C-alpha cells in the first residue's frame, strides 16, 4: 500500500495556533488593551463630533467626557462634573442661557466699574458710586425703562432660542457690521472668545458682589483687610 502522508508540521504562528497558551492569551489581551487606549487618545479629526467614547476631559483629566459634550460647541472643554448635560434633551437651550447670562454679566461688570470710577449723568440720582445703591437711587422710572428694554430683547430672541435653527446665541441679521466678511475660521475664533469672556464675566460679577457687600471695598481696591 502507498505510504501514508506525514502530518504537516505543527504551526506556531500567532495567528494560526489553535492551542492557545497562557502566554499567547496574555499577549492578545495586552495588544487589545493597547489598541483601545491608543484609539481613545488619538488626535481628534476636525468635524462636528470629535470626542471618542471614554476619552478623558480636558478640564478634569481624571473624569471622562460627558456623552453630549462632543466638541461641537465653542468653548467645550468637557467640563460637567455634576452631569447637568445628562438631564438636558438638547444643549442648544443651555448654550443660549449661558451666553445670555454671560453677556449680561459682561455689561454688568463694565457698568459697575464705570459707576465707581467713570463720569456720571448730572443730578443727585446719578451721583452715587455704589453700583447696587444706584439701582434704588435712580428711581422707579429708570428701572422700568431698563426692564422694558430687557423684555424687548427677550421677545426678539424668543423664537430663535426655542425653535430656531441658527447657531445658539446668534440672531440672523443682527450679527453686526463686517461679520459677513469673516471666514468660517475667523468666526469660530470669535465664538470661542465670546464664551470664554462670558464665563470670566460671570465669575467677575460674583467677585464684584462679594467685594461690595461683604468687604465694603471699592471694586479696584486690592489692598488686604
C-alpha atoms as a PDB file:
ATOM      1  CA  UNK A   1       0.000   0.000   0.000  1.00  0.00           C
ATOM      2  CA  UNK A   2       1.184   3.546  -0.646  1.00  0.00           C
ATOM      3  CA  UNK A   3       2.809   5.186   2.336  1.00  0.00           C
ATOM      4  CA  UNK A   4       0.617   7.373   4.454  1.00  0.00           C
ATOM      5  CA  UNK A   5       1.405  11.071   4.106  1.00  0.00           C
ATOM      6  CA  UNK A   6       3.091  12.519   7.160  1.00  0.00           C
ATOM      7  CA  UNK A   7       1.067  15.157   9.082  1.00  0.00           C
ATOM      8  CA  UNK A   8       2.143  18.731   8.451  1.00  0.00           C
ATOM      9  CA  UNK A   9       4.464  20.210  11.000  1.00  0.00           C
ATOM     10  CA  UNK A  10       2.797  21.991  13.871  1.00  0.00           C
ATOM     11  CA  UNK A  11       2.324  25.693  13.087  1.00  0.00           C
ATOM     12  CA  UNK A  12       3.487  28.113  15.768  1.00  0.00           C
ATOM     13  CA  UNK A  13       2.278  31.274  14.094  1.00  0.00           C
ATOM     14  CA  UNK A  14       0.491  33.692  16.456  1.00  0.00           C
ATOM     15  CA  UNK A  15      -2.459  33.899  14.072  1.00  0.00           C
ATOM     16  CA  UNK A  16      -2.826  30.158  13.239  1.00  0.00           C
ATOM     17  CA  UNK A  17      -2.054  28.457  16.501  1.00  0.00           C
ATOM     18  CA  UNK A  18      -5.302  26.929  17.738  1.00  0.00           C
ATOM     19  CA  UNK A  19      -3.788  25.747  21.012  1.00  0.00           C
ATOM     20  CA  UNK A  20      -3.801  28.974  22.982  1.00  0.00           C
ATOM     21  CA  UNK A  21      -1.293  29.042  25.798  1.00  0.00           C
ATOM     22  CA  UNK A  22      -1.499  31.389  28.782  1.00  0.00           C
ATOM     23  CA  UNK A  23       1.402  33.392  27.328  1.00  0.00           C
ATOM     24  CA  UNK A  24      -0.245  33.927  23.940  1.00  0.00           C
ATOM     25  CA  UNK A  25      -3.566  34.780  25.578  1.00  0.00           C
ATOM     26  CA  UNK A  26      -1.882  37.417  27.745  1.00  0.00           C
ATOM     27  CA  UNK A  27      -0.201  38.880  24.655  1.00  0.00           C
ATOM     28  CA  UNK A  28      -3.581  39.181  22.931  1.00  0.00           C
ATOM     29  CA  UNK A  29      -5.135  40.928  25.934  1.00  0.00           C
ATOM     30  CA  UNK A  30      -2.248  43.392  26.222  1.00  0.00           C
ATOM     31  CA  UNK A  31      -2.356  44.097  22.481  1.00  0.00           C
ATOM     32  CA  UNK A  32      -6.134  44.741  22.542  1.00  0.00           C
ATOM     33  CA  UNK A  33      -5.843  46.996  25.591  1.00  0.00           C
ATOM     34  CA  UNK A  34      -3.055  48.979  23.971  1.00  0.00           C
ATOM     35  CA  UNK A  35      -5.076  49.458  20.784  1.00  0.00           C
ATOM     36  CA  UNK A  36      -8.135  50.596  22.748  1.00  0.00           C
ATOM     37  CA  UNK A  37      -6.079  53.119  24.704  1.00  0.00           C
ATOM     38  CA  UNK A  38      -4.438  54.449  21.562  1.00  0.00           C
ATOM     39  CA  UNK A  39      -7.814  54.852  19.890  1.00  0.00           C
ATOM     40  CA  UNK A  40      -9.289  56.764  22.822  1.00  0.00           C
ATOM     41  CA  UNK A  41      -6.425  59.252  22.916  1.00  0.00           C
ATOM     42  CA  UNK A  42      -5.841  59.578  19.180  1.00  0.00           C
ATOM     43  CA  UNK A  43      -5.808  63.146  17.790  1.00  0.00           C
ATOM     44  CA  UNK A  44      -9.355  64.286  17.074  1.00  0.00           C
ATOM     45  CA  UNK A  45     -10.389  64.905  13.489  1.00  0.00           C
ATOM     46  CA  UNK A  46     -11.759  68.277  12.518  1.00  0.00           C
ATOM     47  CA  UNK A  47     -15.511  67.985  12.458  1.00  0.00           C
ATOM     48  CA  UNK A  48     -18.677  68.130  14.449  1.00  0.00           C
ATOM     49  CA  UNK A  49     -18.422  65.132  16.766  1.00  0.00           C
ATOM     50  CA  UNK A  50     -14.743  64.637  17.640  1.00  0.00           C
ATOM     51  CA  UNK A  51     -14.683  63.133  21.146  1.00  0.00           C
ATOM     52  CA  UNK A  52     -14.080  59.406  21.431  1.00  0.00           C
ATOM     53  CA  UNK A  53     -16.094  57.291  23.833  1.00  0.00           C
ATOM     54  CA  UNK A  54     -14.432  57.206  27.270  1.00  0.00           C
ATOM     55  CA  UNK A  55     -11.994  59.976  26.298  1.00  0.00           C
ATOM     56  CA  UNK A  56     -10.766  61.998  29.234  1.00  0.00           C
ATOM     57  CA  UNK A  57     -11.905  65.559  29.900  1.00  0.00           C
ATOM     58  CA  UNK A  58      -9.527  68.411  29.052  1.00  0.00           C
ATOM     59  CA  UNK A  59     -10.604  70.345  32.130  1.00  0.00           C
ATOM     60  CA  UNK A  60     -10.800  67.429  34.602  1.00  0.00           C
ATOM     61  CA  UNK A  61      -8.286  64.820  33.373  1.00  0.00           C
ATOM     62  CA  UNK A  62      -9.406  62.118  35.823  1.00  0.00           C
ATOM     63  CA  UNK A  63     -13.029  62.187  34.546  1.00  0.00           C
ATOM     64  CA  UNK A  64     -14.368  61.010  31.199  1.00  0.00           C
ATOM     65  CA  UNK A  65     -16.004  63.422  28.776  1.00  0.00           C
ATOM     66  CA  UNK A  66     -19.811  63.536  29.127  1.00  0.00           C
ATOM     67  CA  UNK A  67     -21.570  61.963  26.164  1.00  0.00           C
ATOM     68  CA  UNK A  68     -23.233  65.142  24.887  1.00  0.00           C
ATOM     69  CA  UNK A  69     -20.111  67.290  25.141  1.00  0.00           C
ATOM     70  CA  UNK A  70     -18.795  66.126  21.797  1.00  0.00           C
ATOM     71  CA  UNK A  71     -16.666  69.173  20.981  1.00  0.00           C
ATOM     72  CA  UNK A  72     -19.167  70.651  18.523  1.00  0.00           C
ATOM     73  CA  UNK A  73     -19.775  73.816  20.594  1.00  0.00           C
ATOM     74  CA  UNK A  74     -17.280  76.616  21.077  1.00  0.00           C
ATOM     75  CA  UNK A  75     -15.539  76.509  24.434  1.00  0.00           C
ATOM     76  CA  UNK A  76     -16.355  72.852  25.055  1.00  0.00           C
ATOM     77  CA  UNK A  77     -13.670  71.564  27.450  1.00  0.00           C
ATOM     78  CA  UNK A  78     -15.599  68.556  28.691  1.00  0.00           C
ATOM     79  CA  UNK A  79     -16.398  70.275  31.983  1.00  0.00           C
ATOM     80  CA  UNK A  80     -19.560  68.885  33.548  1.00  0.00           C
ATOM     81  CA  UNK A  81     -18.694  67.328  36.921  1.00  0.00           C
ATOM     82  CA  UNK A  82     -22.328  67.474  38.093  1.00  0.00           C
ATOM     83  CA  UNK A  83     -23.663  65.752  34.971  1.00  0.00           C
ATOM     84  CA  UNK A  84     -26.041  68.581  34.058  1.00  0.00           C
ATOM     85  CA  UNK A  85     -25.760  67.778  30.358  1.00  0.00           C
ATOM     86  CA  UNK A  86     -27.268  64.349  31.030  1.00  0.00           C
ATOM     87  CA  UNK A  87     -30.613  65.863  32.062  1.00  0.00           C
ATOM     88  CA  UNK A  88     -30.776  68.140  29.014  1.00  0.00           C
ATOM     89  CA  UNK A  89     -32.576  66.782  25.979  1.00  0.00           C
ATOM     90  CA  UNK A  90     -30.797  69.356  23.839  1.00  0.00           C
ATOM     91  CA  UNK A  91     -27.818  71.533  24.761  1.00  0.00           C
ATOM     92  CA  UNK A  92     -28.988  74.277  22.413  1.00  0.00           C
ATOM     93  CA  UNK A  93     -31.133  75.954  25.081  1.00  0.00           C
ATOM     94  CA  UNK A  94     -28.400  75.511  27.691  1.00  0.00           C
ATOM     95  CA  UNK A  95     -25.897  77.297  25.432  1.00  0.00           C
ATOM     96  CA  UNK A  96     -28.389  80.113  24.777  1.00  0.00           C
ATOM     97  CA  UNK A  97     -28.839  80.525  28.546  1.00  0.00           C
ATOM     98  CA  UNK A  98     -25.095  80.508  29.146  1.00  0.00           C
ATOM     99  CA  UNK A  99     -24.477  83.159  26.511  1.00  0.00           C
ATOM    100  CA  UNK A 100     -27.305  85.385  27.738  1.00  0.00           C
ATOM    101  CA  UNK A 101     -26.079  85.253  31.313  1.00  0.00           C
ATOM    102  CA  UNK A 102     -22.531  85.854  30.157  1.00  0.00           C
ATOM    103  CA  UNK A 103     -23.476  88.868  28.059  1.00  0.00           C
ATOM    104  CA  UNK A 104     -25.480  90.351  30.924  1.00  0.00           C
ATOM    105  CA  UNK A 105     -22.530  89.873  33.272  1.00  0.00           C
ATOM    106  CA  UNK A 106     -20.117  91.487  30.808  1.00  0.00           C
ATOM    107  CA  UNK A 107     -22.373  94.547  30.716  1.00  0.00           C
ATOM    108  CA  UNK A 108     -22.905  94.415  34.477  1.00  0.00           C
ATOM    109  CA  UNK A 109     -19.213  94.272  35.394  1.00  0.00           C
ATOM    110  CA  UNK A 110     -18.423  97.084  32.958  1.00  0.00           C
ATOM    111  CA  UNK A 111     -21.285  99.156  34.394  1.00  0.00           C
ATOM    112  CA  UNK A 112     -20.219  98.513  37.992  1.00  0.00           C
ATOM    113  CA  UNK A 113     -16.664  99.657  37.336  1.00  0.00           C
ATOM    114  CA  UNK A 114     -17.967 102.679  35.420  1.00  0.00           C
ATOM    115  CA  UNK A 115     -20.340 103.521  38.277  1.00  0.00           C
ATOM    116  CA  UNK A 116     -17.437 103.770  40.704  1.00  0.00           C
ATOM    117  CA  UNK A 117     -14.738 105.330  38.530  1.00  0.00           C
ATOM    118  CA  UNK A 118     -16.356 106.849  35.436  1.00  0.00           C
ATOM    119  CA  UNK A 119     -18.242 110.111  34.867  1.00  0.00           C
ATOM    120  CA  UNK A 120     -21.943 110.228  35.807  1.00  0.00           C
ATOM    121  CA  UNK A 121     -25.000 111.961  34.460  1.00  0.00           C
ATOM    122  CA  UNK A 122     -25.800 115.243  36.238  1.00  0.00           C
ATOM    123  CA  UNK A 123     -28.192 115.115  39.175  1.00  0.00           C
ATOM    124  CA  UNK A 124     -28.270 113.671  42.689  1.00  0.00           C
ATOM    125  CA  UNK A 125     -29.985 110.478  41.471  1.00  0.00           C
ATOM    126  CA  UNK A 126     -26.869 109.552  39.491  1.00  0.00           C
ATOM    127  CA  UNK A 127     -24.212 110.714  41.953  1.00  0.00           C
ATOM    128  CA  UNK A 128     -23.707 107.532  43.999  1.00  0.00           C
ATOM    129  CA  UNK A 129     -20.657 105.412  43.281  1.00  0.00           C
ATOM    130  CA  UNK A 130     -22.108 102.285  44.884  1.00  0.00           C
ATOM    131  CA  UNK A 131     -23.264 100.077  41.950  1.00  0.00           C
ATOM    132  CA  UNK A 132     -26.026  98.455  43.993  1.00  0.00           C
ATOM    133  CA  UNK A 133     -27.254 101.620  45.660  1.00  0.00           C
ATOM    134  CA  UNK A 134     -27.524 103.140  42.194  1.00  0.00           C
ATOM    135  CA  UNK A 135     -30.378 100.754  41.392  1.00  0.00           C
ATOM    136  CA  UNK A 136     -32.595 102.398  44.004  1.00  0.00           C
ATOM    137  CA  UNK A 137     -31.287 105.960  43.667  1.00  0.00           C
ATOM    138  CA  UNK A 138     -32.321 106.362  40.025  1.00  0.00           C
ATOM    139  CA  UNK A 139     -35.974 105.766  40.857  1.00  0.00           C
ATOM    140  CA  UNK A 140     -38.853 103.708  39.511  1.00  0.00           C
ATOM    141  CA  UNK A 141     -38.973 105.239  36.031  1.00  0.00           C
ATOM    142  CA  UNK A 142     -35.369 104.402  35.104  1.00  0.00           C
ATOM    143  CA  UNK A 143     -35.696 100.844  36.341  1.00  0.00           C
ATOM    144  CA  UNK A 144     -38.895 100.319  34.344  1.00  0.00           C
ATOM    145  CA  UNK A 145     -37.115 101.514  31.217  1.00  0.00           C
ATOM    146  CA  UNK A 146     -34.350  99.014  31.847  1.00  0.00           C
ATOM    147  CA  UNK A 147     -36.810  96.158  32.406  1.00  0.00           C
ATOM    148  CA  UNK A 148     -38.762  97.065  29.272  1.00  0.00           C
ATOM    149  CA  UNK A 149     -35.543  97.069  27.267  1.00  0.00           C
ATOM    150  CA  UNK A 150     -34.672  93.610  28.597  1.00  0.00           C
ATOM    151  CA  UNK A 151     -38.184  92.414  27.728  1.00  0.00           C
ATOM    152  CA  UNK A 152     -37.876  93.655  24.154  1.00  0.00           C
ATOM    153  CA  UNK A 153     -34.571  91.845  23.696  1.00  0.00           C
ATOM    154  CA  UNK A 154     -36.063  88.645  25.079  1.00  0.00           C
ATOM    155  CA  UNK A 155     -39.035  88.864  22.715  1.00  0.00           C
ATOM    156  CA  UNK A 156     -36.712  89.398  19.758  1.00  0.00           C
ATOM    157  CA  UNK A 157     -34.686  86.300  20.611  1.00  0.00           C
ATOM    158  CA  UNK A 158     -37.561  84.145  21.883  1.00  0.00           C
ATOM    159  CA  UNK A 159     -38.365  82.284  18.677  1.00  0.00           C
ATOM    160  CA  UNK A 160     -34.731  81.704  17.804  1.00  0.00           C
ATOM    161  CA  UNK A 161     -33.941  80.498  21.333  1.00  0.00           C
ATOM    162  CA  UNK A 162     -36.634  77.823  21.497  1.00  0.00           C
ATOM    163  CA  UNK A 163     -37.447  76.957  17.890  1.00  0.00           C
ATOM    164  CA  UNK A 164     -34.657  78.380  15.752  1.00  0.00           C
ATOM    165  CA  UNK A 165     -32.096  76.518  13.707  1.00  0.00           C
ATOM    166  CA  UNK A 166     -29.238  79.003  13.789  1.00  0.00           C
ATOM    167  CA  UNK A 167     -26.181  78.724  15.991  1.00  0.00           C
ATOM    168  CA  UNK A 168     -27.024  79.339  19.678  1.00  0.00           C
ATOM    169  CA  UNK A 169     -26.506  82.974  20.603  1.00  0.00           C
ATOM    170  CA  UNK A 170     -26.867  84.330  17.078  1.00  0.00           C
ATOM    171  CA  UNK A 171     -29.793  86.164  15.543  1.00  0.00           C
ATOM    172  CA  UNK A 172     -29.861  86.249  11.738  1.00  0.00           C
ATOM    173  CA  UNK A 173     -29.450  89.838  10.585  1.00  0.00           C
ATOM    174  CA  UNK A 174     -28.147  91.036  13.964  1.00  0.00           C
ATOM    175  CA  UNK A 175     -24.549  89.884  13.632  1.00  0.00           C
ATOM    176  CA  UNK A 176     -23.059  93.352  13.288  1.00  0.00           C
ATOM    177  CA  UNK A 177     -21.031  95.179  10.670  1.00  0.00           C
ATOM    178  CA  UNK A 178     -18.292  93.195   8.957  1.00  0.00           C
ATOM    179  CA  UNK A 179     -19.480  89.804  10.185  1.00  0.00           C
ATOM    180  CA  UNK A 180     -20.300  88.534   6.698  1.00  0.00           C
ATOM    181  CA  UNK A 181     -16.750  89.306   5.556  1.00  0.00           C
ATOM    182  CA  UNK A 182     -15.160  86.967   8.100  1.00  0.00           C
ATOM    183  CA  UNK A 183     -14.099  83.462   7.155  1.00  0.00           C
ATOM    184  CA  UNK A 184     -15.549  80.456   8.977  1.00  0.00           C
ATOM    185  CA  UNK A 185     -12.268  80.054  10.877  1.00  0.00           C
ATOM    186  CA  UNK A 186     -12.368  83.683  11.983  1.00  0.00           C
ATOM    187  CA  UNK A 187     -15.982  83.301  13.097  1.00  0.00           C
ATOM    188  CA  UNK A 188     -15.067  80.230  15.141  1.00  0.00           C
ATOM    189  CA  UNK A 189     -12.399  82.283  16.917  1.00  0.00           C
ATOM    190  CA  UNK A 190     -14.977  84.991  17.728  1.00  0.00           C
ATOM    191  CA  UNK A 191     -17.417  82.387  19.094  1.00  0.00           C
ATOM    192  CA  UNK A 192     -14.668  80.926  21.252  1.00  0.00           C
ATOM    193  CA  UNK A 193     -13.643  84.347  22.540  1.00  0.00           C
ATOM    194  CA  UNK A 194     -17.202  85.288  23.420  1.00  0.00           C
ATOM    195  CA  UNK A 195     -17.925  82.197  25.504  1.00  0.00           C
ATOM    196  CA  UNK A 196     -14.592  82.488  27.350  1.00  0.00           C
ATOM    197  CA  UNK A 197     -15.230  86.162  28.154  1.00  0.00           C
ATOM    198  CA  UNK A 198     -18.806  85.322  29.182  1.00  0.00           C
ATOM    199  CA  UNK A 199     -17.647  82.737  31.697  1.00  0.00           C
ATOM    200  CA  UNK A 200     -14.985  85.070  33.036  1.00  0.00           C
ATOM    201  CA  UNK A 201     -17.555  87.862  33.407  1.00  0.00           C
ATOM    202  CA  UNK A 202     -19.916  85.616  35.384  1.00  0.00           C
ATOM    203  CA  UNK A 203     -17.100  84.826  37.811  1.00  0.00           C
ATOM    204  CA  UNK A 204     -16.135  88.522  37.910  1.00  0.00           C
ATOM    205  CA  UNK A 205     -19.697  89.533  38.772  1.00  0.00           C
ATOM    206  CA  UNK A 206     -19.725  87.152  41.729  1.00  0.00           C
ATOM    207  CA  UNK A 207     -16.387  88.581  42.853  1.00  0.00           C
ATOM    208  CA  UNK A 208     -17.599  92.166  42.462  1.00  0.00           C
ATOM    209  CA  UNK A 209     -20.705  91.402  44.512  1.00  0.00           C
ATOM    210  CA  UNK A 210     -18.569  89.863  47.244  1.00  0.00           C
ATOM    211  CA  UNK A 211     -16.208  92.854  47.179  1.00  0.00           C
ATOM    212  CA  UNK A 212     -19.064  95.329  47.540  1.00  0.00           C
ATOM    213  CA  UNK A 213     -21.396  93.578  50.007  1.00  0.00           C
ATOM    214  CA  UNK A 214     -19.082  91.571  52.231  1.00  0.00           C
ATOM    215  CA  UNK A 215     -15.851  93.553  52.178  1.00  0.00           C
ATOM    216  CA  UNK A 216     -17.361  97.039  51.709  1.00  0.00           C
ATOM    217  CA  UNK A 217     -14.468  97.985  49.487  1.00  0.00           C
ATOM    218  CA  UNK A 218     -14.261  99.611  46.027  1.00  0.00           C
ATOM    219  CA  UNK A 219     -14.064  97.161  43.155  1.00  0.00           C
ATOM    220  CA  UNK A 220     -10.497  98.000  42.208  1.00  0.00           C
ATOM    221  CA  UNK A 221      -9.208  98.145  45.770  1.00  0.00           C
ATOM    222  CA  UNK A 222      -6.869  95.180  46.136  1.00  0.00           C
ATOM    223  CA  UNK A 223      -5.350  96.107  49.495  1.00  0.00           C
ATOM    224  CA  UNK A 224      -5.653  93.393  52.164  1.00  0.00           C
ATOM    225  CA  UNK A 225      -8.075  93.866  55.027  1.00  0.00           C
END
